Amino acid sequence: AERGLKDCQAWIFKYDRQHSRLSIEARNAETGNRSFSQLAHRLANE
């Protein structure tokens, strides 16, 4: 992982009781990183 990514991304690991699984949410400091958030979320849910 690149350092720049680490600085602008706040990773939140949470257990989704409704779906009984662990999910990852990426809170973006930049709205332009929305696609990355969606990608990370999709990968986390595979």
N, C-alpha and C. Protein backbone atom coordinates (compact mmCIF):
# COMPACT_ATOMS: atom_id res chain seq x y z
N ALA A 1 0.85 -1.20 0.00
CA ALA A 1 0.00 0.00 0.00
C ALA A 1 0.88 1.24 0.00
N GLU A 2 0.47 2.21 -0.76
CA GLU A 2 1.25 3.44 -0.83
C GLU A 2 0.96 4.33 0.37
N ARG A 3 1.94 5.10 0.75
CA ARG A 3 1.78 5.96 1.92
C ARG A 3 0.71 7.02 1.70
N GLY A 4 0.64 7.54 0.49
CA GLY A 4 -0.36 8.56 0.18
C GLY A 4 -1.77 8.03 0.38
N LEU A 5 -1.96 6.78 0.02
CA LEU A 5 -3.26 6.16 0.18
C LEU A 5 -3.59 6.04 1.66
N LYS A 6 -2.60 5.68 2.44
CA LYS A 6 -2.78 5.51 3.88
C LYS A 6 -3.15 6.84 4.54
N ASP A 7 -2.61 7.93 4.02
CA ASP A 7 -2.84 9.24 4.61
C ASP A 7 -4.24 9.78 4.32
N CYS A 8 -4.80 9.42 3.15
CA CYS A 8 -6.08 10.01 2.78
C CYS A 8 -7.24 9.04 2.93
N GLN A 9 -6.97 7.83 3.38
CA GLN A 9 -8.04 6.86 3.56
C GLN A 9 -8.13 6.47 5.03
N ALA A 10 -9.36 6.46 5.55
CA ALA A 10 -9.58 5.98 6.91
C ALA A 10 -10.37 4.69 6.82
N TRP A 11 -9.71 3.58 7.12
CA TRP A 11 -10.35 2.29 6.97
C TRP A 11 -11.15 1.93 8.21
N ILE A 12 -12.36 1.48 7.99
CA ILE A 12 -13.22 1.09 9.10
C ILE A 12 -13.66 -0.35 8.91
N PHE A 13 -13.23 -1.21 9.82
CA PHE A 13 -13.65 -2.61 9.76
C PHE A 13 -14.82 -2.78 10.72
N LYS A 14 -15.94 -3.25 10.20
CA LYS A 14 -17.08 -3.43 11.07
C LYS A 14 -17.80 -4.73 10.76
N TYR A 15 -18.40 -5.30 11.78
CA TYR A 15 -19.13 -6.54 11.59
C TYR A 15 -20.59 -6.21 11.30
N ASP A 16 -21.05 -6.66 10.13
CA ASP A 16 -22.42 -6.37 9.73
C ASP A 16 -23.33 -7.47 10.26
N ARG A 17 -24.02 -7.18 11.35
CA ARG A 17 -24.88 -8.18 11.98
C ARG A 17 -26.02 -8.59 11.05
N GLN A 18 -26.49 -7.66 10.26
CA GLN A 18 -27.62 -7.93 9.37
C GLN A 18 -27.27 -8.98 8.33
N HIS A 19 -26.02 -8.95 7.85
CA HIS A 19 -25.60 -9.90 6.84
C HIS A 19 -24.65 -10.95 7.40
N SER A 20 -24.40 -10.86 8.72
CA SER A 20 -23.52 -11.82 9.38
C SER A 20 -22.17 -11.95 8.69
N ARG A 21 -21.54 -10.83 8.46
CA ARG A 21 -20.21 -10.87 7.86
C ARG A 21 -19.44 -9.60 8.20
N LEU A 22 -18.13 -9.68 8.03
CA LEU A 22 -17.28 -8.53 8.27
C LEU A 22 -17.19 -7.69 7.00
N SER A 23 -17.43 -6.41 7.14
CA SER A 23 -17.36 -5.54 5.97
C SER A 23 -16.36 -4.42 6.21
N ILE A 24 -15.93 -3.82 5.12
CA ILE A 24 -14.96 -2.74 5.20
C ILE A 24 -15.53 -1.48 4.55
N GLU A 25 -15.45 -0.39 5.28
CA GLU A 25 -15.90 0.89 4.71
C GLU A 25 -14.69 1.80 4.60
N ALA A 26 -14.57 2.45 3.47
CA ALA A 26 -13.48 3.40 3.29
C ALA A 26 -14.04 4.81 3.31
N ARG A 27 -13.71 5.54 4.35
CA ARG A 27 -14.15 6.92 4.45
C ARG A 27 -13.13 7.78 3.72
N ASN A 28 -13.55 8.43 2.66
CA ASN A 28 -12.61 9.18 1.84
C ASN A 28 -12.49 10.64 2.27
N ALA A 29 -11.25 11.09 2.39
CA ALA A 29 -11.00 12.49 2.67
C ALA A 29 -11.28 13.31 1.41
N GLU A 30 -11.11 12.66 0.26
CA GLU A 30 -11.35 13.34 -1.02
C GLU A 30 -12.55 12.69 -1.70
N THR A 31 -13.49 13.51 -2.14
CA THR A 31 -14.68 12.98 -2.82
C THR A 31 -14.29 12.37 -4.16
N GLY A 32 -13.14 12.73 -4.68
CA GLY A 32 -12.67 12.20 -5.96
C GLY A 32 -12.26 10.74 -5.86
N ASN A 33 -12.09 10.24 -4.65
CA ASN A 33 -11.67 8.86 -4.45
C ASN A 33 -12.85 7.92 -4.31
N ARG A 34 -14.00 8.36 -4.75
CA ARG A 34 -15.22 7.58 -4.58
C ARG A 34 -15.13 6.22 -5.27
N SER A 35 -14.55 6.19 -6.45
CA SER A 35 -14.44 4.93 -7.19
C SER A 35 -13.57 3.93 -6.43
N PHE A 36 -12.54 4.42 -5.77
CA PHE A 36 -11.69 3.54 -4.99
C PHE A 36 -12.46 2.95 -3.82
N SER A 37 -13.29 3.77 -3.20
CA SER A 37 -14.11 3.32 -2.09
C SER A 37 -15.06 2.22 -2.53
N GLN A 38 -15.67 2.42 -3.69
CA GLN A 38 -16.60 1.43 -4.22
C GLN A 38 -15.87 0.13 -4.56
N LEU A 39 -14.68 0.25 -5.10
CA LEU A 39 -13.89 -0.93 -5.45
C LEU A 39 -13.51 -1.71 -4.19
N ALA A 40 -13.03 -1.01 -3.20
CA ALA A 40 -12.63 -1.64 -1.95
C ALA A 40 -13.81 -2.33 -1.28
N HIS A 41 -14.95 -1.67 -1.34
CA HIS A 41 -16.15 -2.23 -0.73
C HIS A 41 -16.60 -3.48 -1.46
N ARG A 42 -16.49 -3.45 -2.79
CA ARG A 42 -16.89 -4.60 -3.60
C ARG A 42 -15.95 -5.79 -3.33
N LEU A 43 -14.65 -5.52 -3.22
CA LEU A 43 -13.69 -6.57 -2.95
C LEU A 43 -13.91 -7.17 -1.56
N ALA A 44 -14.27 -6.31 -0.61
CA ALA A 44 -14.49 -6.75 0.76
C ALA A 44 -15.71 -7.65 0.86
N ASN A 45 -16.64 -7.47 -0.05
CA ASN A 45 -17.89 -8.23 0.02
C ASN A 45 -17.87 -9.49 -0.84
N GLU A 46 -16.74 -9.76 -1.50
CA GLU A 46 -16.67 -10.96 -2.32
C GLU A 46 -16.53 -12.21 -1.47
